[in-house]
N, C-alpha and C. Protein backbone atom coordinates (compact mmCIF):
# COMPACT_ATOMS: atom_id res chain seq x y z
N MET A 1 -35.35 17.90 -20.53
CA MET A 1 -36.75 17.65 -20.75
C MET A 1 -37.07 16.23 -20.30
N ASP A 2 -38.21 16.06 -19.71
CA ASP A 2 -38.62 14.75 -19.21
C ASP A 2 -39.45 14.00 -20.25
N PHE A 3 -39.21 12.68 -20.36
CA PHE A 3 -39.96 11.81 -21.24
C PHE A 3 -40.54 10.68 -20.40
N GLU A 4 -41.75 10.25 -20.73
CA GLU A 4 -42.40 9.18 -19.98
C GLU A 4 -42.41 7.89 -20.79
N PHE A 5 -42.03 6.79 -20.12
CA PHE A 5 -42.06 5.47 -20.73
C PHE A 5 -42.69 4.50 -19.74
N ASP A 6 -43.31 3.45 -20.25
CA ASP A 6 -43.90 2.43 -19.39
C ASP A 6 -42.93 1.27 -19.23
N CYS A 7 -42.81 0.77 -18.01
CA CYS A 7 -41.96 -0.38 -17.71
C CYS A 7 -42.52 -1.62 -18.38
N TRP A 8 -41.64 -2.44 -18.95
CA TRP A 8 -42.08 -3.65 -19.63
C TRP A 8 -42.60 -4.70 -18.64
N ARG A 9 -42.13 -4.66 -17.41
CA ARG A 9 -42.51 -5.69 -16.44
C ARG A 9 -43.78 -5.34 -15.66
N CYS A 10 -43.83 -4.15 -15.08
CA CYS A 10 -44.96 -3.81 -14.21
C CYS A 10 -45.90 -2.77 -14.81
N ASP A 11 -45.59 -2.25 -16.01
CA ASP A 11 -46.42 -1.28 -16.72
C ASP A 11 -46.58 0.05 -15.97
N THR A 12 -45.64 0.37 -15.08
CA THR A 12 -45.65 1.64 -14.37
C THR A 12 -45.02 2.72 -15.25
N THR A 13 -45.56 3.92 -15.23
CA THR A 13 -45.00 5.03 -15.98
C THR A 13 -43.76 5.55 -15.25
N CYS A 14 -42.66 5.64 -16.00
CA CYS A 14 -41.40 6.13 -15.45
C CYS A 14 -40.96 7.36 -16.24
N VAL A 15 -40.35 8.31 -15.56
CA VAL A 15 -39.87 9.54 -16.19
C VAL A 15 -38.37 9.43 -16.41
N VAL A 16 -37.93 9.71 -17.65
CA VAL A 16 -36.52 9.66 -18.02
C VAL A 16 -36.13 11.04 -18.50
N TRP A 17 -35.01 11.57 -18.01
CA TRP A 17 -34.57 12.91 -18.40
C TRP A 17 -33.75 12.83 -19.68
N GLY A 18 -34.06 13.71 -20.64
CA GLY A 18 -33.32 13.79 -21.89
C GLY A 18 -32.50 15.06 -21.95
N LYS A 19 -31.24 14.93 -22.33
CA LYS A 19 -30.33 16.07 -22.44
C LYS A 19 -30.38 16.61 -23.88
N PRO A 20 -30.51 17.93 -24.07
CA PRO A 20 -30.51 18.49 -25.42
C PRO A 20 -29.23 18.12 -26.17
N ARG A 21 -29.35 17.77 -27.45
CA ARG A 21 -28.19 17.36 -28.25
C ARG A 21 -27.29 18.52 -28.62
N GLY A 22 -27.84 19.71 -28.78
CA GLY A 22 -27.05 20.88 -29.15
C GLY A 22 -27.38 22.04 -28.24
N PHE A 23 -26.58 23.08 -28.33
CA PHE A 23 -26.79 24.24 -27.46
C PHE A 23 -28.13 24.91 -27.70
N TRP A 24 -28.56 25.04 -28.95
CA TRP A 24 -29.82 25.70 -29.28
C TRP A 24 -30.94 24.72 -29.58
N SER A 25 -30.70 23.44 -29.48
CA SER A 25 -31.69 22.43 -29.87
C SER A 25 -32.86 22.36 -28.90
N THR A 26 -34.06 22.34 -29.47
CA THR A 26 -35.26 22.16 -28.65
C THR A 26 -36.09 20.99 -29.17
N THR A 27 -35.58 20.29 -30.19
CA THR A 27 -36.35 19.19 -30.77
C THR A 27 -35.65 17.84 -30.69
N HIS A 28 -34.35 17.81 -30.44
CA HIS A 28 -33.60 16.55 -30.39
C HIS A 28 -32.93 16.40 -29.03
N TYR A 29 -33.16 15.25 -28.40
CA TYR A 29 -32.64 15.01 -27.07
C TYR A 29 -31.93 13.67 -27.00
N GLU A 30 -30.88 13.61 -26.20
CA GLU A 30 -30.18 12.35 -25.94
C GLU A 30 -30.82 11.70 -24.73
N LEU A 31 -31.23 10.44 -24.90
CA LEU A 31 -31.82 9.68 -23.81
C LEU A 31 -30.89 8.53 -23.47
N PRO A 32 -30.88 8.10 -22.21
CA PRO A 32 -30.06 6.94 -21.87
C PRO A 32 -30.56 5.70 -22.60
N ALA A 33 -29.66 4.81 -22.99
CA ALA A 33 -30.05 3.59 -23.69
C ALA A 33 -30.86 2.66 -22.78
N GLU A 34 -30.52 2.67 -21.49
CA GLU A 34 -31.24 1.84 -20.51
C GLU A 34 -31.52 2.65 -19.26
N TRP A 35 -32.60 2.30 -18.58
CA TRP A 35 -32.98 2.96 -17.34
C TRP A 35 -33.71 1.95 -16.47
N ASP A 36 -33.69 2.19 -15.17
CA ASP A 36 -34.31 1.27 -14.21
C ASP A 36 -35.65 1.81 -13.75
N CYS A 37 -36.62 0.91 -13.65
CA CYS A 37 -37.96 1.26 -13.18
C CYS A 37 -37.89 1.62 -11.70
N TRP A 38 -38.53 2.71 -11.32
CA TRP A 38 -38.52 3.12 -9.93
C TRP A 38 -39.38 2.21 -9.07
N ASN A 39 -40.36 1.50 -9.67
CA ASN A 39 -41.30 0.68 -8.92
C ASN A 39 -40.78 -0.73 -8.68
N CYS A 40 -40.30 -1.40 -9.74
CA CYS A 40 -39.90 -2.80 -9.58
C CYS A 40 -38.40 -3.03 -9.78
N GLY A 41 -37.67 -2.02 -10.29
CA GLY A 41 -36.23 -2.14 -10.47
C GLY A 41 -35.80 -2.81 -11.76
N ALA A 42 -36.75 -3.16 -12.63
CA ALA A 42 -36.41 -3.82 -13.90
C ALA A 42 -35.66 -2.86 -14.81
N THR A 43 -34.68 -3.37 -15.55
CA THR A 43 -33.96 -2.58 -16.51
C THR A 43 -34.75 -2.53 -17.81
N ASN A 44 -34.97 -1.31 -18.32
CA ASN A 44 -35.73 -1.10 -19.54
C ASN A 44 -34.85 -0.47 -20.59
N SER A 45 -35.18 -0.67 -21.86
CA SER A 45 -34.48 -0.04 -22.98
C SER A 45 -35.31 1.10 -23.51
N THR A 46 -34.63 2.19 -23.86
CA THR A 46 -35.32 3.33 -24.45
C THR A 46 -35.68 2.98 -25.90
N PRO A 47 -36.90 3.27 -26.32
CA PRO A 47 -37.29 3.00 -27.72
C PRO A 47 -36.39 3.76 -28.68
N ASP A 48 -36.19 3.21 -29.89
CA ASP A 48 -35.36 3.86 -30.91
C ASP A 48 -35.98 5.17 -31.34
N ASP A 49 -35.10 6.13 -31.64
CA ASP A 49 -35.53 7.44 -32.14
C ASP A 49 -35.77 7.32 -33.64
N ASP A 50 -36.93 7.75 -34.11
CA ASP A 50 -37.28 7.58 -35.52
C ASP A 50 -37.07 8.83 -36.36
N ASP A 51 -36.17 9.74 -35.95
CA ASP A 51 -36.01 10.96 -36.76
C ASP A 51 -35.02 10.80 -37.81
């Protein structure tokens, strides 16, 4: 499933792919801790999961 986050440096919307945590899970996804902005290349941190 794709998640959208805004880059801290250039405020561009970036899409990050989340992997399901379990075989039948449709509500919990593993996201990378860091990802690079496609526009400016800045390294961003994924926000904490509040579940």
